[in-house]
Amino acid sequence: MAPPTPVYPVSSLLSEMNTLANGKPRKPPITNLRDCALKEMVQYKCNVDKPKPGKEPIVVCEPVVRLFRVCRDGLHVDTTAWERLEARRDESKAGR
C-alpha cells in the first residue's frame, strides 16, 4: 500500500510545495500555482444503505470532484480547497 499523502492547509500550500521531501528547497521555486496546468478528476464516494428485511442492499454513490495543478517536473498538487478560495477571492474582486 502507498504511504499516506500529507495534507497541508491552503495557507501553507506554496511553501510546502517548494520544500522537497528531504527538507531542501525546490529550485527554482514555484511562485504562482496559476502557472501550472489545471486538471480535474472525478472520484466516487459510495455507501451501502442498510437493506430492509428480505431486500437487497442499495449502493448509493456520489461524485467527488478533485482539482489538481500539474507543475513542471511532473509535480502534481491537489488544489481543490485552494481553487475554491481563489474563486471566492476573484468573485469578491469582481463585485467591488
PDB file of N, CA and C in Angstrom:
ATOM      1  N   MET A   1       0.846  -1.171   0.000  1.00  0.00           N
ATOM      2  CA  MET A   1       0.000   0.000   0.000  1.00  0.00           C
ATOM      3  C   MET A   1       0.897   1.241   0.000  1.00  0.00           C
ATOM      4  N   ALA A   2       0.461   2.245  -0.713  1.00  0.00           N
ATOM      5  CA  ALA A   2       1.216   3.502  -0.780  1.00  0.00           C
ATOM      6  C   ALA A   2       1.141   4.223   0.565  1.00  0.00           C
ATOM      7  N   PRO A   3       2.175   4.993   0.893  1.00  0.00           N
ATOM      8  CA  PRO A   3       2.112   5.749   2.150  1.00  0.00           C
ATOM      9  C   PRO A   3       1.058   6.841   2.060  1.00  0.00           C
ATOM     10  N   PRO A   4       0.537   7.283   3.199  1.00  0.00           N
ATOM     11  CA  PRO A   4      -0.480   8.339   3.157  1.00  0.00           C
ATOM     12  C   PRO A   4       0.083   9.629   2.576  1.00  0.00           C
ATOM     13  N   THR A   5      -0.767  10.335   1.882  1.00  0.00           N
ATOM     14  CA  THR A   5      -0.375  11.614   1.295  1.00  0.00           C
ATOM     15  C   THR A   5      -0.568  12.702   2.341  1.00  0.00           C
ATOM     16  N   PRO A   6       0.441  13.542   2.548  1.00  0.00           N
ATOM     17  CA  PRO A   6       0.268  14.608   3.541  1.00  0.00           C
ATOM     18  C   PRO A   6      -0.764  15.635   3.089  1.00  0.00           C
ATOM     19  N   VAL A   7      -1.465  16.201   4.043  1.00  0.00           N
ATOM     20  CA  VAL A   7      -2.465  17.233   3.776  1.00  0.00           C
ATOM     21  C   VAL A   7      -1.974  18.523   4.429  1.00  0.00           C
ATOM     22  N   TYR A   8      -1.967  19.604   3.642  1.00  0.00           N
ATOM     23  CA  TYR A   8      -1.495  20.893   4.140  1.00  0.00           C
ATOM     24  C   TYR A   8      -2.606  21.917   4.045  1.00  0.00           C
ATOM     25  N   PRO A   9      -2.664  22.856   4.994  1.00  0.00           N
ATOM     26  CA  PRO A   9      -3.661  23.927   4.889  1.00  0.00           C
ATOM     27  C   PRO A   9      -3.346  24.828   3.698  1.00  0.00           C
ATOM     28  N   VAL A  10      -4.376  25.451   3.156  1.00  0.00           N
ATOM     29  CA  VAL A  10      -4.219  26.327   1.993  1.00  0.00           C
ATOM     30  C   VAL A  10      -3.170  27.401   2.260  1.00  0.00           C
ATOM     31  N   SER A  11      -3.135  27.904   3.479  1.00  0.00           N
ATOM     32  CA  SER A  11      -2.211  28.993   3.813  1.00  0.00           C
ATOM     33  C   SER A  11      -0.741  28.611   3.658  1.00  0.00           C
ATOM     34  N   SER A  12      -0.421  27.315   3.756  1.00  0.00           N
ATOM     35  CA  SER A  12       0.985  26.908   3.638  1.00  0.00           C
ATOM     36  C   SER A  12       1.258  26.065   2.391  1.00  0.00           C
ATOM     37  N   LEU A  13       0.298  26.005   1.466  1.00  0.00           N
ATOM     38  CA  LEU A  13       0.439  25.147   0.291  1.00  0.00           C
ATOM     39  C   LEU A  13       1.674  25.477  -0.539  1.00  0.00           C
ATOM     40  N   LEU A  14       1.875  26.746  -0.885  1.00  0.00           N
ATOM     41  CA  LEU A  14       3.032  27.114  -1.713  1.00  0.00           C
ATOM     42  C   LEU A  14       4.354  26.805  -1.023  1.00  0.00           C
ATOM     43  N   SER A  15       4.450  27.100   0.259  1.00  0.00           N
ATOM     44  CA  SER A  15       5.716  26.831   0.953  1.00  0.00           C
ATOM     45  C   SER A  15       5.974  25.333   1.047  1.00  0.00           C
ATOM     46  N   GLU A  16       4.940  24.536   1.265  1.00  0.00           N
ATOM     47  CA  GLU A  16       5.116  23.079   1.321  1.00  0.00           C
ATOM     48  C   GLU A  16       5.490  22.519  -0.051  1.00  0.00           C
ATOM     49  N   MET A  17       4.898  23.070  -1.117  1.00  0.00           N
ATOM     50  CA  MET A  17       5.237  22.622  -2.478  1.00  0.00           C
ATOM     51  C   MET A  17       6.696  22.895  -2.798  1.00  0.00           C
ATOM     52  N   ASN A  18       7.218  23.958  -2.245  1.00  0.00           N
ATOM     53  CA  ASN A  18       8.583  24.367  -2.550  1.00  0.00           C
ATOM     54  C   ASN A  18       9.612  23.779  -1.595  1.00  0.00           C
ATOM     55  N   THR A  19       9.178  22.820  -0.787  1.00  0.00           N
ATOM     56  CA  THR A  19      10.092  22.089   0.083  1.00  0.00           C
ATOM     57  C   THR A  19      10.065  20.628  -0.341  1.00  0.00           C
ATOM     58  N   LEU A  20      11.211  20.095  -0.717  1.00  0.00           N
ATOM     59  CA  LEU A  20      11.302  18.704  -1.137  1.00  0.00           C
ATOM     60  C   LEU A  20      11.160  17.775   0.067  1.00  0.00           C
ATOM     61  N   ALA A  21      10.928  16.487  -0.196  1.00  0.00           N
ATOM     62  CA  ALA A  21      10.745  15.511   0.879  1.00  0.00           C
ATOM     63  C   ALA A  21      11.947  15.444   1.817  1.00  0.00           C
ATOM     64  N   ASN A  22      13.130  15.742   1.290  1.00  0.00           N
ATOM     65  CA  ASN A  22      14.334  15.698   2.127  1.00  0.00           C
ATOM     66  C   ASN A  22      14.554  16.994   2.904  1.00  0.00           C
ATOM     67  N   GLY A  23      13.617  17.957   2.782  1.00  0.00           N
ATOM     68  CA  GLY A  23      13.707  19.214   3.515  1.00  0.00           C
ATOM     69  C   GLY A  23      14.401  20.333   2.765  1.00  0.00           C
ATOM     70  N   LYS A  24      14.991  20.014   1.612  1.00  0.00           N
ATOM     71  CA  LYS A  24      15.693  21.040   0.833  1.00  0.00           C
ATOM     72  C   LYS A  24      14.687  21.856   0.020  1.00  0.00           C
ATOM     73  N   PRO A  25      15.033  23.101  -0.312  1.00  0.00           N
ATOM     74  CA  PRO A  25      14.123  23.931  -1.114  1.00  0.00           C
ATOM     75  C   PRO A  25      14.105  23.488  -2.581  1.00  0.00           C
ATOM     76  N   ARG A  26      12.928  23.604  -3.210  1.00  0.00           N
ATOM     77  CA  ARG A  26      12.790  23.308  -4.641  1.00  0.00           C
ATOM     78  C   ARG A  26      13.451  24.433  -5.423  1.00  0.00           C
ATOM     79  N   LYS A  27      14.264  24.057  -6.413  1.00  0.00           N
ATOM     80  CA  LYS A  27      14.959  25.061  -7.231  1.00  0.00           C
ATOM     81  C   LYS A  27      14.653  24.809  -8.694  1.00  0.00           C
ATOM     82  N   PRO A  28      14.185  25.791  -9.420  1.00  0.00           N
ATOM     83  CA  PRO A  28      13.677  27.080  -8.937  1.00  0.00           C
ATOM     84  C   PRO A  28      12.318  26.884  -8.269  1.00  0.00           C
ATOM     85  N   PRO A  29      11.960  27.759  -7.355  1.00  0.00           N
ATOM     86  CA  PRO A  29      10.685  27.602  -6.649  1.00  0.00           C
ATOM     87  C   PRO A  29       9.489  27.884  -7.558  1.00  0.00           C
ATOM     88  N   ILE A  30       8.360  27.292  -7.214  1.00  0.00           N
ATOM     89  CA  ILE A  30       7.099  27.585  -7.899  1.00  0.00           C
ATOM     90  C   ILE A  30       6.506  28.792  -7.181  1.00  0.00           C
ATOM     91  N   THR A  31       6.312  29.881  -7.913  1.00  0.00           N
ATOM     92  CA  THR A  31       5.851  31.117  -7.276  1.00  0.00           C
ATOM     93  C   THR A  31       4.367  31.394  -7.486  1.00  0.00           C
ATOM     94  N   ASN A  32       3.766  30.767  -8.510  1.00  0.00           N
ATOM     95  CA  ASN A  32       2.358  31.023  -8.786  1.00  0.00           C
ATOM     96  C   ASN A  32       1.702  29.736  -9.263  1.00  0.00           C
ATOM     97  N   LEU A  33       0.765  29.217  -8.486  1.00  0.00           N
ATOM     98  CA  LEU A  33       0.076  27.982  -8.866  1.00  0.00           C
ATOM     99  C   LEU A  33      -0.700  28.131 -10.167  1.00  0.00           C
ATOM    100  N   ARG A  34      -1.131  29.341 -10.494  1.00  0.00           N
ATOM    101  CA  ARG A  34      -1.898  29.549 -11.729  1.00  0.00           C
ATOM    102  C   ARG A  34      -1.055  29.282 -12.981  1.00  0.00           C
ATOM    103  N   ASP A  35       0.269  29.246 -12.825  1.00  0.00           N
ATOM    104  CA  ASP A  35       1.144  28.924 -13.954  1.00  0.00           C
ATOM    105  C   ASP A  35       1.162  27.427 -14.255  1.00  0.00           C
ATOM    106  N   CYS A  36       0.646  26.623 -13.349  1.00  0.00           N
ATOM    107  CA  CYS A  36       0.604  25.169 -13.526  1.00  0.00           C
ATOM    108  C   CYS A  36      -0.736  24.788 -14.170  1.00  0.00           C
ATOM    109  N   ALA A  37      -0.721  23.747 -15.002  1.00  0.00           N
ATOM    110  CA  ALA A  37      -1.933  23.317 -15.705  1.00  0.00           C
ATOM    111  C   ALA A  37      -2.977  22.798 -14.718  1.00  0.00           C
ATOM    112  N   LEU A  38      -4.231  23.212 -14.917  1.00  0.00           N
ATOM    113  CA  LEU A  38      -5.338  22.773 -14.070  1.00  0.00           C
ATOM    114  C   LEU A  38      -5.932  21.491 -14.642  1.00  0.00           C
ATOM    115  N   LYS A  39      -6.092  20.487 -13.790  1.00  0.00           N
ATOM    116  CA  LYS A  39      -6.685  19.204 -14.185  1.00  0.00           C
ATOM    117  C   LYS A  39      -7.813  18.875 -13.219  1.00  0.00           C
ATOM    118  N   GLU A  40      -8.750  18.053 -13.692  1.00  0.00           N
ATOM    119  CA  GLU A  40      -9.890  17.659 -12.869  1.00  0.00           C
ATOM    120  C   GLU A  40     -10.003  16.144 -12.863  1.00  0.00           C
ATOM    121  N   MET A  41     -10.369  15.596 -11.723  1.00  0.00           N
ATOM    122  CA  MET A  41     -10.589  14.157 -11.609  1.00  0.00           C
ATOM    123  C   MET A  41     -11.873  13.956 -10.809  1.00  0.00           C
ATOM    124  N   VAL A  42     -12.696  13.026 -11.248  1.00  0.00           N
ATOM    125  CA  VAL A  42     -13.918  12.716 -10.517  1.00  0.00           C
ATOM    126  C   VAL A  42     -13.740  11.356  -9.861  1.00  0.00           C
ATOM    127  N   GLN A  43     -13.899  11.331  -8.549  1.00  0.00           N
ATOM    128  CA  GLN A  43     -13.901  10.087  -7.795  1.00  0.00           C
ATOM    129  C   GLN A  43     -15.322   9.884  -7.294  1.00  0.00           C
ATOM    130  N   TYR A  44     -15.602   8.697  -6.790  1.00  0.00           N
ATOM    131  CA  TYR A  44     -16.936   8.428  -6.274  1.00  0.00           C
ATOM    132  C   TYR A  44     -16.854   7.922  -4.848  1.00  0.00           C
ATOM    133  N   LYS A  45     -17.715   8.500  -4.000  1.00  0.00           N
ATOM    134  CA  LYS A  45     -17.828   8.058  -2.618  1.00  0.00           C
ATOM    135  C   LYS A  45     -19.108   7.236  -2.551  1.00  0.00           C
ATOM    136  N   CYS A  46     -18.966   5.978  -2.175  1.00  0.00           N
ATOM    137  CA  CYS A  46     -20.121   5.083  -2.177  1.00  0.00           C
ATOM    138  C   CYS A  46     -20.446   4.599  -0.765  1.00  0.00           C
ATOM    139  N   ASN A  47     -21.722   4.512  -0.479  1.00  0.00           N
ATOM    140  CA  ASN A  47     -22.213   3.998   0.799  1.00  0.00           C
ATOM    141  C   ASN A  47     -23.254   2.930   0.516  1.00  0.00           C
ATOM    142  N   VAL A  48     -23.304   1.948   1.392  1.00  0.00           N
ATOM    143  CA  VAL A  48     -24.302   0.892   1.267  1.00  0.00           C
ATOM    144  C   VAL A  48     -25.407   1.191   2.265  1.00  0.00           C
ATOM    145  N   ASP A  49     -26.622   1.392   1.734  1.00  0.00           N
ATOM    146  CA  ASP A  49     -27.772   1.618   2.607  1.00  0.00           C
ATOM    147  C   ASP A  49     -28.198   0.288   3.217  1.00  0.00           C
ATOM    148  N   LYS A  50     -28.540   0.337   4.498  1.00  0.00           N
ATOM    149  CA  LYS A  50     -28.971  -0.872   5.191  1.00  0.00           C
ATOM    150  C   LYS A  50     -30.257  -1.384   4.540  1.00  0.00           C
ATOM    151  N   PRO A  51     -30.265  -2.640   4.158  1.00  0.00           N
ATOM    152  CA  PRO A  51     -31.475  -3.148   3.496  1.00  0.00           C
ATOM    153  C   PRO A  51     -32.582  -3.457   4.500  1.00  0.00           C
ATOM    154  N   LYS A  52     -33.800  -3.376   4.000  1.00  0.00           N
ATOM    155  CA  LYS A  52     -34.940  -3.816   4.797  1.00  0.00           C
ATOM    156  C   LYS A  52     -34.955  -5.341   4.734  1.00  0.00           C
ATOM    157  N   PRO A  53     -35.557  -5.977   5.716  1.00  0.00           N
ATOM    158  CA  PRO A  53     -35.579  -7.450   5.697  1.00  0.00           C
ATOM    159  C   PRO A  53     -36.133  -7.988   4.374  1.00  0.00           C
ATOM    160  N   GLY A  54     -35.405  -8.939   3.791  1.00  0.00           N
ATOM    161  CA  GLY A  54     -35.827  -9.556   2.541  1.00  0.00           C
ATOM    162  C   GLY A  54     -35.459  -8.762   1.298  1.00  0.00           C
ATOM    163  N   LYS A  55     -34.799  -7.633   1.451  1.00  0.00           N
ATOM    164  CA  LYS A  55     -34.418  -6.793   0.303  1.00  0.00           C
ATOM    165  C   LYS A  55     -32.907  -6.814   0.126  1.00  0.00           C
ATOM    166  N   GLU A  56     -32.478  -6.490  -1.076  1.00  0.00           N
ATOM    167  CA  GLU A  56     -31.050  -6.370  -1.379  1.00  0.00           C
ATOM    168  C   GLU A  56     -30.541  -5.016  -0.889  1.00  0.00           C
ATOM    169  N   PRO A  57     -29.290  -4.952  -0.430  1.00  0.00           N
ATOM    170  CA  PRO A  57     -28.744  -3.640  -0.050  1.00  0.00           C
ATOM    171  C   PRO A  57     -28.614  -2.739  -1.274  1.00  0.00           C
ATOM    172  N   ILE A  58     -28.731  -1.450  -1.059  1.00  0.00           N
ATOM    173  CA  ILE A  58     -28.625  -0.480  -2.147  1.00  0.00           C
ATOM    174  C   ILE A  58     -27.322   0.291  -1.976  1.00  0.00           C
ATOM    175  N   VAL A  59     -26.552   0.351  -3.050  1.00  0.00           N
ATOM    176  CA  VAL A  59     -25.305   1.104  -3.044  1.00  0.00           C
ATOM    177  C   VAL A  59     -25.586   2.473  -3.658  1.00  0.00           C
ATOM    178  N   VAL A  60     -25.282   3.528  -2.900  1.00  0.00           N
ATOM    179  CA  VAL A  60     -25.503   4.898  -3.363  1.00  0.00           C
ATOM    180  C   VAL A  60     -24.135   5.563  -3.506  1.00  0.00           C
ATOM    181  N   CYS A  61     -23.827   6.012  -4.729  1.00  0.00           N
ATOM    182  CA  CYS A  61     -22.534   6.650  -4.992  1.00  0.00           C
ATOM    183  C   CYS A  61     -22.748   8.111  -5.382  1.00  0.00           C
ATOM    184  N   GLU A  62     -21.866   8.968  -4.860  1.00  0.00           N
ATOM    185  CA  GLU A  62     -21.915  10.395  -5.178  1.00  0.00           C
ATOM    186  C   GLU A  62     -20.577  10.817  -5.765  1.00  0.00           C
ATOM    187  N   PRO A  63     -20.593  11.667  -6.801  1.00  0.00           N
ATOM    188  CA  PRO A  63     -19.325  12.128  -7.368  1.00  0.00           C
ATOM    189  C   PRO A  63     -18.623  13.108  -6.430  1.00  0.00           C
ATOM    190  N   VAL A  64     -17.308  13.019  -6.393  1.00  0.00           N
ATOM    191  CA  VAL A  64     -16.465  13.947  -5.639  1.00  0.00           C
ATOM    192  C   VAL A  64     -15.446  14.494  -6.630  1.00  0.00           C
ATOM    193  N   VAL A  65     -15.533  15.790  -6.932  1.00  0.00           N
ATOM    194  CA  VAL A  65     -14.636  16.408  -7.910  1.00  0.00           C
ATOM    195  C   VAL A  65     -13.376  16.879  -7.196  1.00  0.00           C
ATOM    196  N   ARG A  66     -12.224  16.463  -7.707  1.00  0.00           N
ATOM    197  CA  ARG A  66     -10.929  16.879  -7.169  1.00  0.00           C
ATOM    198  C   ARG A  66     -10.227  17.698  -8.244  1.00  0.00           C
ATOM    199  N   LEU A  67      -9.597  18.785  -7.845  1.00  0.00           N
ATOM    200  CA  LEU A  67      -8.855  19.640  -8.774  1.00  0.00           C
ATOM    201  C   LEU A  67      -7.365  19.549  -8.457  1.00  0.00           C
ATOM    202  N   PHE A  68      -6.568  19.480  -9.502  1.00  0.00           N
ATOM    203  CA  PHE A  68      -5.123  19.354  -9.365  1.00  0.00           C
ATOM    204  C   PHE A  68      -4.437  20.390 -10.230  1.00  0.00           C
ATOM    205  N   ARG A  69      -3.240  20.743  -9.856  1.00  0.00           N
ATOM    206  CA  ARG A  69      -2.355  21.532 -10.704  1.00  0.00           C
ATOM    207  C   ARG A  69      -1.164  20.644 -11.025  1.00  0.00           C
ATOM    208  N   VAL A  70      -0.788  20.612 -12.304  1.00  0.00           N
ATOM    209  CA  VAL A  70       0.383  19.861 -12.747  1.00  0.00           C
ATOM    210  C   VAL A  70       1.448  20.880 -13.106  1.00  0.00           C
ATOM    211  N   CYS A  71       2.506  20.897 -12.321  1.00  0.00           N
ATOM    212  CA  CYS A  71       3.577  21.874 -12.490  1.00  0.00           C
ATOM    213  C   CYS A  71       4.769  21.221 -13.183  1.00  0.00           C
ATOM    214  N   ARG A  72       5.790  22.010 -13.405  1.00  0.00           N
ATOM    215  CA  ARG A  72       6.979  21.495 -14.086  1.00  0.00           C
ATOM    216  C   ARG A  72       7.561  20.313 -13.311  1.00  0.00           C
ATOM    217  N   ASP A  73       8.334  19.526 -13.986  1.00  0.00           N
ATOM    218  CA  ASP A  73       8.951  18.327 -13.412  1.00  0.00           C
ATOM    219  C   ASP A  73       7.916  17.304 -12.957  1.00  0.00           C
ATOM    220  N   GLY A  74       6.673  17.421 -13.442  1.00  0.00           N
ATOM    221  CA  GLY A  74       5.646  16.429 -13.130  1.00  0.00           C
ATOM    222  C   GLY A  74       5.047  16.527 -11.742  1.00  0.00           C
ATOM    223  N   LEU A  75       5.304  17.601 -11.024  1.00  0.00           N
ATOM    224  CA  LEU A  75       4.735  17.773  -9.688  1.00  0.00           C
ATOM    225  C   LEU A  75       3.220  17.918  -9.802  1.00  0.00           C
ATOM    226  N   HIS A  76       2.481  17.046  -9.120  1.00  0.00           N
ATOM    227  CA  HIS A  76       1.017  17.099  -9.079  1.00  0.00           C
ATOM    228  C   HIS A  76       0.601  17.528  -7.678  1.00  0.00           C
ATOM    229  N   VAL A  77      -0.276  18.521  -7.600  1.00  0.00           N
ATOM    230  CA  VAL A  77      -0.722  19.038  -6.307  1.00  0.00           C
ATOM    231  C   VAL A  77      -2.241  19.105  -6.303  1.00  0.00           C
ATOM    232  N   ASP A  78      -2.864  18.486  -5.295  1.00  0.00           N
ATOM    233  CA  ASP A  78      -4.313  18.587  -5.136  1.00  0.00           C
ATOM    234  C   ASP A  78      -4.615  19.996  -4.634  1.00  0.00           C
ATOM    235  N   THR A  79      -5.307  20.762  -5.454  1.00  0.00           N
ATOM    236  CA  THR A  79      -5.581  22.164  -5.119  1.00  0.00           C
ATOM    237  C   THR A  79      -7.077  22.435  -4.959  1.00  0.00           C
ATOM    238  N   THR A  80      -7.854  21.406  -4.652  1.00  0.00           N
ATOM    239  CA  THR A  80      -9.307  21.568  -4.565  1.00  0.00           C
ATOM    240  C   THR A  80      -9.690  22.711  -3.623  1.00  0.00           C
ATOM    241  N   ALA A  81      -9.165  22.719  -2.409  1.00  0.00           N
ATOM    242  CA  ALA A  81      -9.502  23.774  -1.437  1.00  0.00           C
ATOM    243  C   ALA A  81      -8.956  25.121  -1.897  1.00  0.00           C
ATOM    244  N   TRP A  82      -7.748  25.132  -2.460  1.00  0.00           N
ATOM    245  CA  TRP A  82      -7.125  26.374  -2.925  1.00  0.00           C
ATOM    246  C   TRP A  82      -7.943  26.990  -4.058  1.00  0.00           C
ATOM    247  N   GLU A  83      -8.421  26.157  -4.992  1.00  0.00           N
ATOM    248  CA  GLU A  83      -9.215  26.655  -6.129  1.00  0.00           C
ATOM    249  C   GLU A  83     -10.502  27.314  -5.633  1.00  0.00           C
ATOM    250  N   ARG A  84     -11.143  26.712  -4.633  1.00  0.00           N
ATOM    251  CA  ARG A  84     -12.377  27.301  -4.084  1.00  0.00           C
ATOM    252  C   ARG A  84     -12.093  28.659  -3.451  1.00  0.00           C
ATOM    253  N   LEU A  85     -10.999  28.744  -2.698  1.00  0.00           N
ATOM    254  CA  LEU A  85     -10.623  30.004  -2.062  1.00  0.00           C
ATOM    255  C   LEU A  85     -10.313  31.067  -3.113  1.00  0.00           C
ATOM    256  N   GLU A  86      -9.576  30.694  -4.153  1.00  0.00           N
ATOM    257  CA  GLU A  86      -9.242  31.638  -5.222  1.00  0.00           C
ATOM    258  C   GLU A  86     -10.497  32.096  -5.962  1.00  0.00           C
ATOM    259  N   ALA A  87     -11.449  31.190  -6.185  1.00  0.00           N
ATOM    260  CA  ALA A  87     -12.695  31.559  -6.867  1.00  0.00           C
ATOM    261  C   ALA A  87     -13.471  32.580  -6.039  1.00  0.00           C
ATOM    262  N   ARG A  88     -13.508  32.383  -4.710  1.00  0.00           N
ATOM    263  CA  ARG A  88     -14.190  33.351  -3.842  1.00  0.00           C
ATOM    264  C   ARG A  88     -13.491  34.699  -3.881  1.00  0.00           C
ATOM    265  N   ARG A  89     -12.165  34.689  -3.888  1.00  0.00           N
ATOM    266  CA  ARG A  89     -11.405  35.944  -3.959  1.00  0.00           C
ATOM    267  C   ARG A  89     -11.681  36.671  -5.273  1.00  0.00           C
ATOM    268  N   ASP A  90     -11.708  35.901  -6.374  1.00  0.00           N
ATOM    269  CA  ASP A  90     -11.985  36.501  -7.685  1.00  0.00           C
ATOM    270  C   ASP A  90     -13.385  37.107  -7.725  1.00  0.00           C
ATOM    271  N   GLU A  91     -14.364  36.398  -7.135  1.00  0.00           N
ATOM    272  CA  GLU A  91     -15.737  36.906  -7.108  1.00  0.00           C
ATOM    273  C   GLU A  91     -15.831  38.195  -6.303  1.00  0.00           C
ATOM    274  N   SER A  92     -15.141  38.240  -5.170  1.00  0.00           N
ATOM    275  CA  SER A  92     -15.213  39.448  -4.342  1.00  0.00           C
ATOM    276  C   SER A  92     -14.517  40.623  -5.025  1.00  0.00           C
ATOM    277  N   LYS A  93     -13.453  40.362  -5.776  1.00  0.00           N
ATOM    278  CA  LYS A  93     -12.784  41.429  -6.529  1.00  0.00           C
ATOM    279  C   LYS A  93     -13.690  41.949  -7.638  1.00  0.00           C
ATOM    280  N   ALA A  94     -14.415  41.037  -8.301  1.00  0.00           N
ATOM    281  CA  ALA A  94     -15.300  41.432  -9.396  1.00  0.00           C
ATOM    282  C   ALA A  94     -16.495  42.229  -8.876  1.00  0.00           C
ATOM    283  N   GLY A  95     -16.907  41.958  -7.638  1.00  0.00           N
ATOM    284  CA  GLY A  95     -18.063  42.638  -7.062  1.00  0.00           C
ATOM    285  C   GLY A  95     -17.766  44.027  -6.541  1.00  0.00           C
ATOM    286  N   ARG A  96     -16.501  44.397  -6.498  1.00  0.00           N
ATOM    287  CA  ARG A  96     -16.129  45.722  -5.966  1.00  0.00           C
ATOM    288  C   ARG A  96     -16.436  46.820  -6.929  1.00  0.00           C
TER     289      ARG A  96
END
